[in-house]
N, C-alpha and C. Protein backbone atom coordinates (compact mmCIF):
# COMPACT_ATOMS: atom_id res chain seq x y z
N MET A 1 0.88 -1.16 -0.03
CA MET A 1 -0.19 -0.09 -0.03
C MET A 1 0.70 1.24 -0.09
N ASP A 2 0.59 2.32 -1.11
CA ASP A 2 1.29 3.32 -0.92
C ASP A 2 0.60 4.33 -0.33
N ILE A 3 1.24 5.10 0.45
CA ILE A 3 1.04 6.59 1.38
C ILE A 3 1.54 7.75 0.81
N GLU A 4 0.89 8.57 0.24
CA GLU A 4 1.17 9.68 -0.16
C GLU A 4 0.89 10.69 0.70
N LYS A 5 1.87 12.03 0.66
CA LYS A 5 1.74 13.13 1.34
C LYS A 5 2.19 14.33 0.03
N HIS A 6 1.24 15.43 0.69
CA HIS A 6 1.29 16.45 -0.51
C HIS A 6 2.09 17.63 0.29
N LEU A 7 2.96 18.33 -0.47
CA LEU A 7 3.28 19.61 0.13
C LEU A 7 3.16 20.77 -0.95
N LYS A 8 2.68 22.14 -0.58
CA LYS A 8 2.27 23.19 -1.33
C LYS A 8 3.69 23.98 -1.34
N ILE A 9 4.28 24.26 -2.45
CA ILE A 9 5.27 25.02 -2.46
C ILE A 9 5.28 26.52 -3.43
N THR A 10 6.06 27.24 -3.41
CA THR A 10 6.13 28.27 -4.33
C THR A 10 7.47 28.38 -4.90
N GLY A 11 7.76 28.59 -6.37
CA GLY A 11 9.00 28.67 -6.84
C GLY A 11 8.89 29.91 -7.73
N SER A 12 10.34 30.46 -8.21
CA SER A 12 10.17 31.60 -8.95
C SER A 12 11.24 31.27 -10.37
N SER A 13 11.24 31.91 -11.16
CA SER A 13 12.50 32.03 -12.03
C SER A 13 12.39 33.37 -12.94
N GLU A 14 13.10 34.11 -13.61
CA GLU A 14 13.15 35.23 -14.31
C GLU A 14 13.10 34.78 -15.89
N THR A 15 12.99 33.41 -16.25
CA THR A 15 12.97 33.32 -17.56
C THR A 15 11.61 32.73 -18.09
N SER A 16 10.90 31.75 -17.27
CA SER A 16 9.53 31.18 -17.68
C SER A 16 8.57 30.44 -16.78
N TRP A 17 7.82 30.26 -16.97
CA TRP A 17 6.91 29.62 -15.96
C TRP A 17 7.47 28.16 -15.95
N LYS A 18 7.80 27.53 -16.95
CA LYS A 18 8.28 26.19 -17.34
C LYS A 18 9.79 26.06 -16.34
N ASP A 19 10.50 27.09 -16.66
CA ASP A 19 11.37 27.05 -15.60
C ASP A 19 11.50 27.15 -14.15
N ALA A 20 10.29 27.83 -13.89
CA ALA A 20 10.31 28.10 -12.65
C ALA A 20 9.52 26.78 -12.01
N ILE A 21 9.05 26.09 -12.74
CA ILE A 21 8.45 24.60 -12.30
C ILE A 21 9.74 23.75 -12.24
N VAL A 22 10.37 23.59 -13.21
CA VAL A 22 11.57 22.79 -13.16
C VAL A 22 12.82 22.80 -12.13
N LYS A 23 13.00 24.17 -11.87
CA LYS A 23 13.63 24.64 -10.77
C LYS A 23 13.42 24.42 -9.61
N THR A 24 12.19 24.46 -9.22
CA THR A 24 11.50 24.43 -8.10
C THR A 24 11.52 22.85 -7.78
N ILE A 25 11.09 22.16 -8.64
CA ILE A 25 11.16 20.53 -8.43
C ILE A 25 12.49 19.96 -8.15
N GLU A 26 13.56 20.74 -8.99
CA GLU A 26 14.91 20.26 -8.63
C GLU A 26 15.36 20.79 -7.33
N GLU A 27 15.09 21.74 -6.87
CA GLU A 27 15.47 22.26 -5.44
C GLU A 27 14.65 21.31 -4.57
N ALA A 28 13.54 21.22 -4.72
CA ALA A 28 12.69 20.44 -3.61
C ALA A 28 13.32 18.92 -3.34
N SER A 29 13.66 18.52 -4.66
CA SER A 29 14.14 16.93 -4.49
C SER A 29 15.53 16.85 -3.77
N LYS A 30 16.32 17.99 -3.66
CA LYS A 30 17.48 17.69 -2.64
C LYS A 30 17.21 17.43 -1.23
N SER A 31 15.91 17.78 -0.71
CA SER A 31 15.69 17.60 0.47
C SER A 31 14.50 16.66 0.70
N ILE A 32 13.78 16.55 -0.18
CA ILE A 32 12.43 15.64 -0.07
C ILE A 32 12.67 14.26 -0.91
N ASP A 33 12.48 12.99 -0.44
CA ASP A 33 13.03 11.74 -1.00
C ASP A 33 11.67 11.22 -1.76
N TYR A 34 11.55 10.37 -2.69
CA TYR A 34 10.52 9.78 -3.18
C TYR A 34 9.27 10.65 -4.06
N LEU A 35 9.99 11.81 -4.58
CA LEU A 35 8.81 12.47 -5.18
C LEU A 35 8.43 11.88 -6.21
N SER A 36 6.73 11.95 -6.53
CA SER A 36 6.39 11.15 -7.28
C SER A 36 5.35 11.77 -8.45
N SER A 37 4.70 13.09 -7.90
CA SER A 37 4.16 13.87 -8.99
C SER A 37 4.21 15.21 -8.68
N VAL A 38 3.53 16.08 -9.69
CA VAL A 38 3.60 17.50 -9.31
C VAL A 38 2.02 18.13 -10.07
N LYS A 39 1.58 18.96 -9.27
CA LYS A 39 0.24 19.70 -9.76
C LYS A 39 0.62 21.04 -9.80
N VAL A 40 0.43 21.53 -11.04
CA VAL A 40 0.52 23.09 -10.98
C VAL A 40 -0.89 23.70 -10.54
N LEU A 41 -0.41 24.79 -9.34
CA LEU A 41 -1.85 24.90 -8.75
C LEU A 41 -2.09 26.57 -9.58
N ASP A 42 -1.00 27.25 -9.44
CA ASP A 42 -1.07 28.55 -9.92
C ASP A 42 0.01 29.03 -10.67
N GLN A 43 -0.37 30.20 -11.58
CA GLN A 43 0.92 30.89 -12.21
C GLN A 43 0.57 32.24 -12.16
N ARG A 44 1.80 32.96 -11.97
CA ARG A 44 1.60 34.56 -11.73
C ARG A 44 2.89 35.19 -12.06
N ALA A 45 2.62 36.25 -12.47
CA ALA A 45 3.94 36.82 -12.97
C ALA A 45 4.16 38.37 -12.35
N LYS A 46 5.15 38.64 -12.14
CA LYS A 46 5.48 40.21 -11.74
C LYS A 46 5.99 41.25 -12.83
N ILE A 47 5.24 42.26 -13.12
CA ILE A 47 5.53 43.00 -14.32
C ILE A 47 6.28 44.26 -13.90
N ASP A 48 7.44 44.43 -14.69
CA ASP A 48 8.17 45.76 -14.38
C ASP A 48 8.10 46.55 -15.78
N GLY A 49 7.44 47.60 -15.76
CA GLY A 49 7.18 48.43 -17.06
C GLY A 49 6.30 47.71 -17.79
N ASN A 50 6.59 47.15 -18.90
CA ASN A 50 5.44 46.61 -19.82
C ASN A 50 6.20 44.96 -20.05
N LYS A 51 7.17 44.43 -19.26
CA LYS A 51 7.63 43.41 -19.55
C LYS A 51 7.37 42.33 -18.18
N ILE A 52 7.44 41.07 -18.27
CA ILE A 52 7.58 40.29 -16.88
C ILE A 52 8.89 39.99 -16.75
N SER A 53 9.06 40.37 -15.36
CA SER A 53 10.34 40.40 -14.78
C SER A 53 10.65 39.29 -14.22
N GLU A 54 9.49 38.54 -13.52
CA GLU A 54 9.59 37.11 -12.69
C GLU A 54 8.28 36.39 -12.78
N TYR A 55 8.51 35.14 -13.23
CA TYR A 55 7.43 34.23 -13.13
C TYR A 55 7.27 33.34 -11.78
N PHE A 56 6.30 33.27 -11.41
CA PHE A 56 5.93 32.37 -9.98
C PHE A 56 4.76 31.31 -10.06
N VAL A 57 5.17 30.17 -9.76
CA VAL A 57 4.48 29.05 -9.72
C VAL A 57 4.32 28.58 -8.31
N ASP A 58 2.89 28.14 -7.86
CA ASP A 58 2.71 27.32 -6.78
C ASP A 58 2.25 25.95 -7.23
N LEU A 59 3.17 24.81 -6.56
CA LEU A 59 2.98 23.63 -6.87
C LEU A 59 2.72 22.98 -5.90
N ASP A 60 1.64 21.85 -6.07
CA ASP A 60 1.30 20.71 -5.11
C ASP A 60 2.18 19.44 -5.45
N LEU A 61 3.38 19.26 -4.55
CA LEU A 61 4.29 18.15 -4.85
C LEU A 61 3.71 16.96 -4.09
N THR A 62 3.79 15.77 -4.67
CA THR A 62 3.61 14.53 -3.97
C THR A 62 4.42 13.81 -3.89
N PHE A 63 4.84 13.40 -2.64
CA PHE A 63 5.90 12.38 -2.23
C PHE A 63 5.42 10.95 -1.51
N LEU A 64 6.04 10.15 -1.86
CA LEU A 64 5.58 8.57 -1.09
C LEU A 64 6.24 8.57 0.13
N ILE A 65 5.45 8.21 1.27
CA ILE A 65 5.92 7.81 2.58
C ILE A 65 6.57 6.42 2.60
N ASP A 66 7.66 6.21 3.06
CA ASP A 66 8.39 4.99 3.30
C ASP A 66 7.92 4.40 4.41
N ILE A 67 7.25 3.57 4.39
CA ILE A 67 6.76 2.72 5.76
C ILE A 67 7.84 1.84 6.27
N ASN A 68 8.57 1.56 5.52
CA ASN A 68 9.70 0.69 6.01
C ASN A 68 11.08 1.38 6.62
N ARG A 69 10.93 2.61 6.55
CA ARG A 69 12.07 3.54 7.07
C ARG A 69 12.27 3.58 8.66
N LYS A 70 13.48 3.26 9.00
CA LYS A 70 13.60 3.22 10.57
C LYS A 70 13.83 4.61 10.71
N ASP A 71 13.47 4.90 12.08
CA ASP A 71 13.84 6.11 12.70
C ASP A 71 15.12 6.27 13.07
N ALA A 72 15.43 7.50 12.61
CA ALA A 72 17.06 7.85 12.84
C ALA A 72 17.11 8.45 14.34
N LYS A 73 17.93 7.77 15.12
CA LYS A 73 18.29 8.17 16.55
C LYS A 73 19.50 8.38 16.85
């Protein structure tokens, strides 16, 4: 039986929404094991003058709980 946990996180990029998604997942994977899926909850951007200067994404990351993991003591 798989048990999943969800975590809502926000990331950003100066390049694009896709870049914000990819970078946020890469960064999260450094400290969260067993990532299994992502859902894009929201996208927004900061406008400077008449151009987008920063892209933001809210993500729902799903990761599996390791039920066999031993507590670190």
